[in-house]
Amino acid sequence: RYAMNWYRQAPGKERELVAIIGSDGGSTNYGASVKGRFGISRDNTK
C-alpha cells in the first residue's frame, strides 16, 4: 500500500533522495545525479 524510497548520505553532506517507487511499482522517479544509472524496483510478494 505504500510508496518506498531510497536515500543516501555521504560524509559531511545532507541526506539526499535517490529514488522513489509507487506502491504498485508502476511509477518511479530518480534524483538527477543517478538518473540513467540506477533502477528502483519492488516485489510486493516478498
All heavy atoms as atom14 arrays in JSON, in Angstrom:
{
  "sequence": "RYAMNWYRQAPGKERELVAIIGSDGGSTNYGASVKGRFGISRDNTK",
  "atom14_mask": [
    [1, 1, 1, 1, 1, 1, 1, 1, 1, 1, 1, 0, 0, 0],
    [1, 1, 1, 1, 1, 1, 1, 1, 1, 1, 1, 1, 0, 0],
    [1, 1, 1, 1, 1, 0, 0, 0, 0, 0, 0, 0, 0, 0],
    [1, 1, 1, 1, 1, 1, 1, 1, 0, 0, 0, 0, 0, 0],
    [1, 1, 1, 1, 1, 1, 1, 1, 0, 0, 0, 0, 0, 0],
    [1, 1, 1, 1, 1, 1, 1, 1, 1, 1, 1, 1, 1, 1],
    [1, 1, 1, 1, 1, 1, 1, 1, 1, 1, 1, 1, 0, 0],
    [1, 1, 1, 1, 1, 1, 1, 1, 1, 1, 1, 0, 0, 0],
    [1, 1, 1, 1, 1, 1, 1, 1, 1, 0, 0, 0, 0, 0],
    [1, 1, 1, 1, 1, 0, 0, 0, 0, 0, 0, 0, 0, 0],
    [1, 1, 1, 1, 1, 1, 1, 0, 0, 0, 0, 0, 0, 0],
    [1, 1, 1, 1, 0, 0, 0, 0, 0, 0, 0, 0, 0, 0],
    [1, 1, 1, 1, 1, 1, 1, 1, 1, 0, 0, 0, 0, 0],
    [1, 1, 1, 1, 1, 1, 1, 1, 1, 0, 0, 0, 0, 0],
    [1, 1, 1, 1, 1, 1, 1, 1, 1, 1, 1, 0, 0, 0],
    [1, 1, 1, 1, 1, 1, 1, 1, 1, 0, 0, 0, 0, 0],
    [1, 1, 1, 1, 1, 1, 1, 1, 0, 0, 0, 0, 0, 0],
    [1, 1, 1, 1, 1, 1, 1, 0, 0, 0, 0, 0, 0, 0],
    [1, 1, 1, 1, 1, 0, 0, 0, 0, 0, 0, 0, 0, 0],
    [1, 1, 1, 1, 1, 1, 1, 1, 0, 0, 0, 0, 0, 0],
    [1, 1, 1, 1, 1, 1, 1, 1, 0, 0, 0, 0, 0, 0],
    [1, 1, 1, 1, 0, 0, 0, 0, 0, 0, 0, 0, 0, 0],
    [1, 1, 1, 1, 1, 1, 0, 0, 0, 0, 0, 0, 0, 0],
    [1, 1, 1, 1, 1, 1, 1, 1, 0, 0, 0, 0, 0, 0],
    [1, 1, 1, 1, 0, 0, 0, 0, 0, 0, 0, 0, 0, 0],
    [1, 1, 1, 1, 0, 0, 0, 0, 0, 0, 0, 0, 0, 0],
    [1, 1, 1, 1, 1, 1, 0, 0, 0, 0, 0, 0, 0, 0],
    [1, 1, 1, 1, 1, 1, 1, 0, 0, 0, 0, 0, 0, 0],
    [1, 1, 1, 1, 1, 1, 1, 1, 0, 0, 0, 0, 0, 0],
    [1, 1, 1, 1, 1, 1, 1, 1, 1, 1, 1, 1, 0, 0],
    [1, 1, 1, 1, 0, 0, 0, 0, 0, 0, 0, 0, 0, 0],
    [1, 1, 1, 1, 1, 0, 0, 0, 0, 0, 0, 0, 0, 0],
    [1, 1, 1, 1, 1, 1, 0, 0, 0, 0, 0, 0, 0, 0],
    [1, 1, 1, 1, 1, 1, 1, 0, 0, 0, 0, 0, 0, 0],
    [1, 1, 1, 1, 1, 1, 1, 1, 1, 0, 0, 0, 0, 0],
    [1, 1, 1, 1, 0, 0, 0, 0, 0, 0, 0, 0, 0, 0],
    [1, 1, 1, 1, 1, 1, 1, 1, 1, 1, 1, 0, 0, 0],
    [1, 1, 1, 1, 1, 1, 1, 1, 1, 1, 1, 0, 0, 0],
    [1, 1, 1, 1, 0, 0, 0, 0, 0, 0, 0, 0, 0, 0],
    [1, 1, 1, 1, 1, 1, 1, 1, 0, 0, 0, 0, 0, 0],
    [1, 1, 1, 1, 1, 1, 0, 0, 0, 0, 0, 0, 0, 0],
    [1, 1, 1, 1, 1, 1, 1, 1, 1, 1, 1, 0, 0, 0],
    [1, 1, 1, 1, 1, 1, 1, 1, 0, 0, 0, 0, 0, 0],
    [1, 1, 1, 1, 1, 1, 1, 1, 0, 0, 0, 0, 0, 0],
    [1, 1, 1, 1, 1, 1, 1, 0, 0, 0, 0, 0, 0, 0],
    [1, 1, 1, 1, 1, 1, 1, 1, 1, 0, 0, 0, 0, 0]
  ],
  "atom14_positions": [
    [[0.8, -1.23, 0.0], [0.0, 0.0, 0.0], [0.84, 1.28, 0.0], [0.28, 2.37, -0.13], [-0.91, 0.03, 1.23], [-1.99, -1.03, 1.21], [-2.89, -0.9, 2.4], [-3.96, -1.9, 2.41], [-4.83, -2.07, 3.4], [-4.77, -1.3, 4.47], [-5.77, -2.99, 3.31], [0.0, 0.0, 0.0], [0.0, 0.0, 0.0], [0.0, 0.0, 0.0]],
    [[2.16, 1.14, 0.14], [2.96, 2.34, 0.35], [4.08, 2.5, -0.67], [4.72, 1.52, -1.06], [3.58, 2.32, 1.75], [2.55, 2.44, 2.82], [1.98, 1.3, 3.39], [2.11, 3.69, 3.26], [0.99, 1.41, 4.37], [1.14, 3.79, 4.24], [0.58, 2.65, 4.78], [-0.39, 2.75, 5.74], [0.0, 0.0, 0.0], [0.0, 0.0, 0.0]],
    [[4.29, 3.76, -1.06], [5.49, 4.08, -1.83], [6.72, 3.83, -0.96], [6.65, 3.91, 0.27], [5.45, 5.54, -2.27], [0.0, 0.0, 0.0], [0.0, 0.0, 0.0], [0.0, 0.0, 0.0], [0.0, 0.0, 0.0], [0.0, 0.0, 0.0], [0.0, 0.0, 0.0], [0.0, 0.0, 0.0], [0.0, 0.0, 0.0], [0.0, 0.0, 0.0]],
    [[7.81, 3.53, -1.62], [9.07, 3.28, -0.93], [10.16, 4.14, -1.56], [10.11, 4.45, -2.76], [9.46, 1.81, -1.01], [8.51, 0.86, -0.33], [8.45, 1.09, 1.46], [10.13, 0.67, 1.92], [0.0, 0.0, 0.0], [0.0, 0.0, 0.0], [0.0, 0.0, 0.0], [0.0, 0.0, 0.0], [0.0, 0.0, 0.0], [0.0, 0.0, 0.0]],
    [[11.13, 4.51, -0.75], [12.17, 5.42, -1.2], [13.55, 4.91, -0.79], [13.7, 4.21, 0.22], [11.98, 6.79, -0.54], [10.55, 7.28, -0.64], [9.99, 7.36, -1.72], [9.95, 7.6, 0.5], [0.0, 0.0, 0.0], [0.0, 0.0, 0.0], [0.0, 0.0, 0.0], [0.0, 0.0, 0.0], [0.0, 0.0, 0.0], [0.0, 0.0, 0.0]],
    [[14.53, 5.31, -1.57], [15.94, 5.14, -1.2], [16.56, 6.54, -1.06], [16.37, 7.39, -1.93], [16.71, 4.36, -2.26], [16.47, 2.9, -2.24], [15.64, 2.18, -3.06], [17.11, 1.93, -1.39], [15.7, 0.84, -2.76], [16.6, 0.66, -1.73], [18.05, 2.02, -0.36], [17.01, -0.5, -1.1], [18.46, 0.85, 0.27], [17.94, -0.39, -0.09]],
    [[17.28, 6.71, 0.01], [18.06, 7.93, 0.25], [19.51, 7.53, 0.43], [19.83, 6.37, 0.67], [17.59, 8.63, 1.53], [16.32, 9.42, 1.42], [15.08, 8.78, 1.41], [16.35, 10.81, 1.36], [13.91, 9.52, 1.33], [15.19, 11.55, 1.29], [13.96, 10.89, 1.28], [12.81, 11.63, 1.2], [0.0, 0.0, 0.0], [0.0, 0.0, 0.0]],
    [[20.38, 8.51, 0.39], [21.79, 8.28, 0.71], [22.35, 9.5, 1.43], [21.84, 10.61, 1.27], [22.61, 7.96, -0.53], [22.78, 9.12, -1.5], [23.51, 8.65, -2.75], [23.75, 9.75, -3.69], [24.27, 9.58, -4.9], [24.6, 8.36, -5.32], [24.45, 10.62, -5.7], [0.0, 0.0, 0.0], [0.0, 0.0, 0.0], [0.0, 0.0, 0.0]],
    [[23.39, 9.24, 2.2], [24.07, 10.33, 2.9], [25.56, 10.08, 2.87], [26.04, 9.06, 3.39], [23.57, 10.45, 4.33], [24.11, 11.67, 5.05], [23.34, 11.98, 6.32], [22.69, 11.12, 6.9], [23.41, 13.23, 6.77], [0.0, 0.0, 0.0], [0.0, 0.0, 0.0], [0.0, 0.0, 0.0], [0.0, 0.0, 0.0], [0.0, 0.0, 0.0]],
    [[26.27, 11.01, 2.27], [27.72, 10.96, 2.21], [28.28, 11.73, 3.39], [27.62, 12.63, 3.94], [28.21, 11.55, 0.89], [0.0, 0.0, 0.0], [0.0, 0.0, 0.0], [0.0, 0.0, 0.0], [0.0, 0.0, 0.0], [0.0, 0.0, 0.0], [0.0, 0.0, 0.0], [0.0, 0.0, 0.0], [0.0, 0.0, 0.0], [0.0, 0.0, 0.0]],
    [[29.52, 11.43, 3.8], [30.11, 12.13, 4.94], [30.11, 13.64, 4.74], [30.51, 14.14, 3.68], [31.53, 11.59, 4.98], [31.44, 10.25, 4.33], [30.39, 10.38, 3.27], [0.0, 0.0, 0.0], [0.0, 0.0, 0.0], [0.0, 0.0, 0.0], [0.0, 0.0, 0.0], [0.0, 0.0, 0.0], [0.0, 0.0, 0.0], [0.0, 0.0, 0.0]],
    [[29.62, 14.36, 5.72], [29.62, 15.81, 5.66], [28.55, 16.42, 4.79], [28.53, 17.65, 4.6], [0.0, 0.0, 0.0], [0.0, 0.0, 0.0], [0.0, 0.0, 0.0], [0.0, 0.0, 0.0], [0.0, 0.0, 0.0], [0.0, 0.0, 0.0], [0.0, 0.0, 0.0], [0.0, 0.0, 0.0], [0.0, 0.0, 0.0], [0.0, 0.0, 0.0]],
    [[27.66, 15.58, 4.26], [26.61, 16.09, 3.37], [25.23, 15.73, 3.95], [25.09, 14.85, 4.78], [26.76, 15.49, 1.97], [28.02, 15.92, 1.26], [28.0, 15.49, -0.2], [29.22, 16.01, -0.94], [29.2, 15.62, -2.38], [0.0, 0.0, 0.0], [0.0, 0.0, 0.0], [0.0, 0.0, 0.0], [0.0, 0.0, 0.0], [0.0, 0.0, 0.0]],
    [[24.23, 16.44, 3.44], [22.86, 16.16, 3.86], [22.34, 14.89, 3.18], [22.83, 14.49, 2.12], [21.96, 17.35, 3.5], [22.26, 18.6, 4.31], [21.23, 19.69, 4.08], [20.34, 19.51, 3.24], [21.33, 20.73, 4.76], [0.0, 0.0, 0.0], [0.0, 0.0, 0.0], [0.0, 0.0, 0.0], [0.0, 0.0, 0.0], [0.0, 0.0, 0.0]],
    [[21.33, 14.3, 3.83], [20.71, 13.12, 3.23], [20.01, 13.53, 1.93], [19.32, 14.55, 1.87], [19.71, 12.51, 4.22], [19.31, 11.1, 3.89], [18.62, 10.43, 5.06], [19.54, 10.17, 6.17], [19.25, 9.39, 7.19], [18.05, 8.81, 7.28], [20.13, 9.2, 8.15], [0.0, 0.0, 0.0], [0.0, 0.0, 0.0], [0.0, 0.0, 0.0]],
    [[20.18, 12.7, 0.91], [19.73, 13.02, -0.45], [18.77, 11.93, -0.94], [19.06, 10.73, -0.8], [20.97, 13.07, -1.37], [20.7, 13.19, -2.84], [21.94, 12.99, -3.69], [22.93, 12.43, -3.19], [21.91, 13.37, -4.86], [0.0, 0.0, 0.0], [0.0, 0.0, 0.0], [0.0, 0.0, 0.0], [0.0, 0.0, 0.0], [0.0, 0.0, 0.0]],
    [[17.66, 12.36, -1.54], [16.73, 11.41, -2.13], [17.32, 10.82, -3.41], [17.73, 11.57, -4.3], [15.39, 12.09, -2.43], [14.31, 11.21, -3.07], [13.93, 10.06, -2.16], [13.1, 12.06, -3.42], [0.0, 0.0, 0.0], [0.0, 0.0, 0.0], [0.0, 0.0, 0.0], [0.0, 0.0, 0.0], [0.0, 0.0, 0.0], [0.0, 0.0, 0.0]],
    [[17.36, 9.49, -3.48], [17.93, 8.81, -4.64], [16.84, 8.34, -5.6], [16.94, 8.56, -6.81], [18.77, 7.6, -4.17], [19.27, 6.79, -5.36], [19.94, 8.07, -3.31], [0.0, 0.0, 0.0], [0.0, 0.0, 0.0], [0.0, 0.0, 0.0], [0.0, 0.0, 0.0], [0.0, 0.0, 0.0], [0.0, 0.0, 0.0], [0.0, 0.0, 0.0]],
    [[15.82, 7.66, -5.06], [14.8, 7.08, -5.93], [13.52, 6.84, -5.15], [13.55, 6.62, -3.94], [15.3, 5.77, -6.54], [0.0, 0.0, 0.0], [0.0, 0.0, 0.0], [0.0, 0.0, 0.0], [0.0, 0.0, 0.0], [0.0, 0.0, 0.0], [0.0, 0.0, 0.0], [0.0, 0.0, 0.0], [0.0, 0.0, 0.0], [0.0, 0.0, 0.0]],
    [[12.42, 6.88, -5.89], [11.07, 6.67, -5.33], [10.36, 5.66, -6.21], [10.49, 5.7, -7.44], [10.26, 7.97, -5.35], [10.96, 9.09, -4.57], [8.86, 7.75, -4.82], [10.33, 10.45, -4.79], [0.0, 0.0, 0.0], [0.0, 0.0, 0.0], [0.0, 0.0, 0.0], [0.0, 0.0, 0.0], [0.0, 0.0, 0.0], [0.0, 0.0, 0.0]],
    [[9.57, 4.79, -5.59], [8.73, 3.88, -6.36], [7.33, 3.85, -5.75], [7.18, 3.81, -4.52], [9.35, 2.47, -6.44], [8.55, 1.57, -7.39], [9.48, 1.83, -5.06], [9.29, 0.31, -7.8], [0.0, 0.0, 0.0], [0.0, 0.0, 0.0], [0.0, 0.0, 0.0], [0.0, 0.0, 0.0], [0.0, 0.0, 0.0], [0.0, 0.0, 0.0]],
    [[6.33, 3.9, -6.62], [4.95, 3.87, -6.16], [4.57, 2.52, -5.57], [5.31, 1.54, -5.68], [0.0, 0.0, 0.0], [0.0, 0.0, 0.0], [0.0, 0.0, 0.0], [0.0, 0.0, 0.0], [0.0, 0.0, 0.0], [0.0, 0.0, 0.0], [0.0, 0.0, 0.0], [0.0, 0.0, 0.0], [0.0, 0.0, 0.0], [0.0, 0.0, 0.0]],
    [[3.41, 2.5, -4.95], [3.01, 1.31, -4.2], [2.89, 0.05, -5.07], [3.19, -1.05, -4.6], [1.69, 1.56, -3.48], [0.67, 1.89, -4.41], [0.0, 0.0, 0.0], [0.0, 0.0, 0.0], [0.0, 0.0, 0.0], [0.0, 0.0, 0.0], [0.0, 0.0, 0.0], [0.0, 0.0, 0.0], [0.0, 0.0, 0.0], [0.0, 0.0, 0.0]],
    [[2.49, 0.23, -6.32], [2.36, -0.93, -7.2], [3.54, -1.09, -8.15], [3.53, -1.97, -9.02], [1.06, -0.85, -8.01], [1.04, 0.32, -8.98], [2.0, 1.11, -8.99], [0.05, 0.45, -9.73], [0.0, 0.0, 0.0], [0.0, 0.0, 0.0], [0.0, 0.0, 0.0], [0.0, 0.0, 0.0], [0.0, 0.0, 0.0], [0.0, 0.0, 0.0]],
    [[4.53, -0.25, -7.99], [5.72, -0.32, -8.82], [5.58, 0.33, -10.18], [6.51, 0.33, -10.98], [0.0, 0.0, 0.0], [0.0, 0.0, 0.0], [0.0, 0.0, 0.0], [0.0, 0.0, 0.0], [0.0, 0.0, 0.0], [0.0, 0.0, 0.0], [0.0, 0.0, 0.0], [0.0, 0.0, 0.0], [0.0, 0.0, 0.0], [0.0, 0.0, 0.0]],
    [[4.41, 0.91, -10.43], [4.15, 1.46, -11.75], [4.76, 2.82, -12.01], [4.85, 3.26, -13.16], [0.0, 0.0, 0.0], [0.0, 0.0, 0.0], [0.0, 0.0, 0.0], [0.0, 0.0, 0.0], [0.0, 0.0, 0.0], [0.0, 0.0, 0.0], [0.0, 0.0, 0.0], [0.0, 0.0, 0.0], [0.0, 0.0, 0.0], [0.0, 0.0, 0.0]],
    [[5.16, 3.51, -10.97], [5.77, 4.83, -11.15], [7.07, 4.9, -10.38], [7.18, 4.39, -9.25], [4.81, 5.92, -10.66], [4.56, 5.79, -9.28], [0.0, 0.0, 0.0], [0.0, 0.0, 0.0], [0.0, 0.0, 0.0], [0.0, 0.0, 0.0], [0.0, 0.0, 0.0], [0.0, 0.0, 0.0], [0.0, 0.0, 0.0], [0.0, 0.0, 0.0]],
    [[8.05, 5.52, -11.0], [9.36, 5.69, -10.37], [9.86, 7.09, -10.66], [9.45, 7.74, -11.64], [10.38, 4.67, -10.9], [10.52, 4.81, -12.31], [9.96, 3.24, -10.58], [0.0, 0.0, 0.0], [0.0, 0.0, 0.0], [0.0, 0.0, 0.0], [0.0, 0.0, 0.0], [0.0, 0.0, 0.0], [0.0, 0.0, 0.0], [0.0, 0.0, 0.0]],
    [[10.76, 7.54, -9.81], [11.4, 8.83, -10.03], [12.79, 8.77, -9.41], [13.01, 8.03, -8.44], [10.58, 9.96, -9.41], [10.81, 11.3, -10.1], [11.7, 11.41, -10.95], [10.04, 12.29, -9.74], [0.0, 0.0, 0.0], [0.0, 0.0, 0.0], [0.0, 0.0, 0.0], [0.0, 0.0, 0.0], [0.0, 0.0, 0.0], [0.0, 0.0, 0.0]],
    [[13.71, 9.57, -9.97], [15.11, 9.48, -9.56], [15.7, 10.86, -9.35], [15.31, 11.83, -10.0], [15.92, 8.76, -10.64], [15.47, 7.34, -10.86], [14.52, 7.03, -11.83], [15.98, 6.3, -10.08], [14.08, 5.73, -12.01], [15.56, 4.99, -10.26], [14.61, 4.72, -11.22], [14.18, 3.44, -11.4], [0.0, 0.0, 0.0], [0.0, 0.0, 0.0]],
    [[16.69, 10.89, -8.47], [17.47, 12.1, -8.33], [18.31, 12.34, -9.57], [18.7, 11.38, -10.26], [0.0, 0.0, 0.0], [0.0, 0.0, 0.0], [0.0, 0.0, 0.0], [0.0, 0.0, 0.0], [0.0, 0.0, 0.0], [0.0, 0.0, 0.0], [0.0, 0.0, 0.0], [0.0, 0.0, 0.0], [0.0, 0.0, 0.0], [0.0, 0.0, 0.0]],
    [[18.59, 13.58, -9.85], [19.29, 13.94, -11.09], [20.66, 13.27, -11.18], [21.1, 12.89, -12.27], [19.43, 15.45, -11.18], [0.0, 0.0, 0.0], [0.0, 0.0, 0.0], [0.0, 0.0, 0.0], [0.0, 0.0, 0.0], [0.0, 0.0, 0.0], [0.0, 0.0, 0.0], [0.0, 0.0, 0.0], [0.0, 0.0, 0.0], [0.0, 0.0, 0.0]],
    [[21.32, 13.09, -10.06], [22.69, 12.56, -10.08], [22.74, 11.07, -10.39], [23.81, 10.56, -10.74], [23.37, 12.84, -8.75], [22.67, 12.21, -7.69], [0.0, 0.0, 0.0], [0.0, 0.0, 0.0], [0.0, 0.0, 0.0], [0.0, 0.0, 0.0], [0.0, 0.0, 0.0], [0.0, 0.0, 0.0], [0.0, 0.0, 0.0], [0.0, 0.0, 0.0]],
    [[21.62, 10.37, -10.3], [21.63, 8.92, -10.53], [20.76, 8.5, -11.71], [20.78, 7.33, -12.11], [21.18, 8.15, -9.27], [22.02, 8.55, -8.06], [19.69, 8.31, -8.99], [0.0, 0.0, 0.0], [0.0, 0.0, 0.0], [0.0, 0.0, 0.0], [0.0, 0.0, 0.0], [0.0, 0.0, 0.0], [0.0, 0.0, 0.0], [0.0, 0.0, 0.0]],
    [[20.02, 9.43, -12.27], [19.1, 9.09, -13.36], [19.86, 8.48, -14.53], [20.93, 8.97, -14.93], [18.36, 10.35, -13.8], [17.13, 10.1, -14.67], [16.33, 11.38, -14.9], [15.71, 11.89, -13.63], [14.83, 13.06, -13.86], [0.0, 0.0, 0.0], [0.0, 0.0, 0.0], [0.0, 0.0, 0.0], [0.0, 0.0, 0.0], [0.0, 0.0, 0.0]],
    [[19.36, 7.37, -15.03], [20.01, 6.67, -16.14], [21.01, 5.63, -15.7], [21.46, 4.82, -16.51], [0.0, 0.0, 0.0], [0.0, 0.0, 0.0], [0.0, 0.0, 0.0], [0.0, 0.0, 0.0], [0.0, 0.0, 0.0], [0.0, 0.0, 0.0], [0.0, 0.0, 0.0], [0.0, 0.0, 0.0], [0.0, 0.0, 0.0], [0.0, 0.0, 0.0]],
    [[21.39, 5.64, -14.42], [22.36, 4.67, -13.91], [21.75, 3.74, -12.86], [22.16, 2.58, -12.75], [23.55, 5.39, -13.28], [24.31, 6.26, -14.24], [25.59, 6.8, -13.6], [25.32, 7.68, -12.45], [25.77, 7.44, -11.22], [26.53, 6.38, -10.96], [25.49, 8.28, -10.23], [0.0, 0.0, 0.0], [0.0, 0.0, 0.0], [0.0, 0.0, 0.0]],
    [[20.79, 4.23, -12.11], [20.17, 3.45, -11.03], [18.75, 3.07, -11.43], [18.07, 3.8, -12.16], [20.1, 4.27, -9.74], [21.41, 4.5, -9.05], [22.63, 4.26, -9.68], [21.43, 4.98, -7.75], [23.84, 4.49, -9.03], [22.63, 5.21, -7.09], [23.83, 4.97, -7.74], [0.0, 0.0, 0.0], [0.0, 0.0, 0.0], [0.0, 0.0, 0.0]],
    [[18.29, 1.93, -10.9], [16.92, 1.49, -11.13], [16.31, 0.99, -9.84], [16.9, 0.17, -9.14], [0.0, 0.0, 0.0], [0.0, 0.0, 0.0], [0.0, 0.0, 0.0], [0.0, 0.0, 0.0], [0.0, 0.0, 0.0], [0.0, 0.0, 0.0], [0.0, 0.0, 0.0], [0.0, 0.0, 0.0], [0.0, 0.0, 0.0], [0.0, 0.0, 0.0]],
    [[15.13, 1.5, -9.51], [14.41, 1.04, -8.31], [13.3, 0.1, -8.74], [12.64, 0.32, -9.77], [13.86, 2.24, -7.5], [13.29, 1.78, -6.17], [12.84, 3.05, -8.32], [12.92, 2.93, -5.22], [0.0, 0.0, 0.0], [0.0, 0.0, 0.0], [0.0, 0.0, 0.0], [0.0, 0.0, 0.0], [0.0, 0.0, 0.0], [0.0, 0.0, 0.0]],
    [[13.09, -0.94, -7.97], [12.03, -1.91, -8.24], [11.54, -2.48, -6.92], [12.16, -2.26, -5.86], [12.52, -3.02, -9.16], [13.58, -3.74, -8.57], [0.0, 0.0, 0.0], [0.0, 0.0, 0.0], [0.0, 0.0, 0.0], [0.0, 0.0, 0.0], [0.0, 0.0, 0.0], [0.0, 0.0, 0.0], [0.0, 0.0, 0.0], [0.0, 0.0, 0.0]],
    [[10.44, -3.21, -6.98], [9.91, -3.81, -5.76], [9.22, -5.12, -6.09], [8.74, -5.32, -7.21], [8.93, -2.85, -5.06], [7.67, -2.54, -5.83], [6.9, -1.4, -5.18], [6.37, -1.76, -3.86], [6.01, -0.86, -2.94], [6.12, 0.44, -3.18], [5.52, -1.27, -1.78], [0.0, 0.0, 0.0], [0.0, 0.0, 0.0], [0.0, 0.0, 0.0]],
    [[9.17, -5.98, -5.09], [8.45, -7.24, -5.2], [7.46, -7.27, -4.03], [7.87, -7.51, -2.89], [9.42, -8.41, -5.14], [8.74, -9.75, -5.38], [7.51, -9.85, -5.19], [9.43, -10.71, -5.73], [0.0, 0.0, 0.0], [0.0, 0.0, 0.0], [0.0, 0.0, 0.0], [0.0, 0.0, 0.0], [0.0, 0.0, 0.0], [0.0, 0.0, 0.0]],
    [[6.2, -7.01, -4.32], [5.21, -6.94, -3.25], [4.87, -8.32, -2.67], [4.25, -8.4, -1.62], [3.94, -6.25, -3.74], [4.13, -4.75, -3.85], [5.14, -4.19, -3.4], [3.17, -4.06, -4.45], [0.0, 0.0, 0.0], [0.0, 0.0, 0.0], [0.0, 0.0, 0.0], [0.0, 0.0, 0.0], [0.0, 0.0, 0.0], [0.0, 0.0, 0.0]],
    [[5.3, -9.38, -3.34], [5.1, -10.72, -2.77], [6.18, -11.03, -1.73], [6.0, -11.91, -0.89], [5.11, -11.8, -3.85], [6.43, -11.9, -4.41], [4.11, -11.5, -4.94], [0.0, 0.0, 0.0], [0.0, 0.0, 0.0], [0.0, 0.0, 0.0], [0.0, 0.0, 0.0], [0.0, 0.0, 0.0], [0.0, 0.0, 0.0], [0.0, 0.0, 0.0]],
    [[7.29, -10.31, -1.8], [8.39, -10.54, -0.87], [8.6, -9.37, 0.09], [9.54, -9.38, 0.89], [9.69, -10.78, -1.65], [9.66, -12.04, -2.51], [10.99, -12.24, -3.22], [10.97, -13.52, -4.04], [12.25, -13.74, -4.78], [0.0, 0.0, 0.0], [0.0, 0.0, 0.0], [0.0, 0.0, 0.0], [0.0, 0.0, 0.0], [0.0, 0.0, 0.0]]
  ]
}
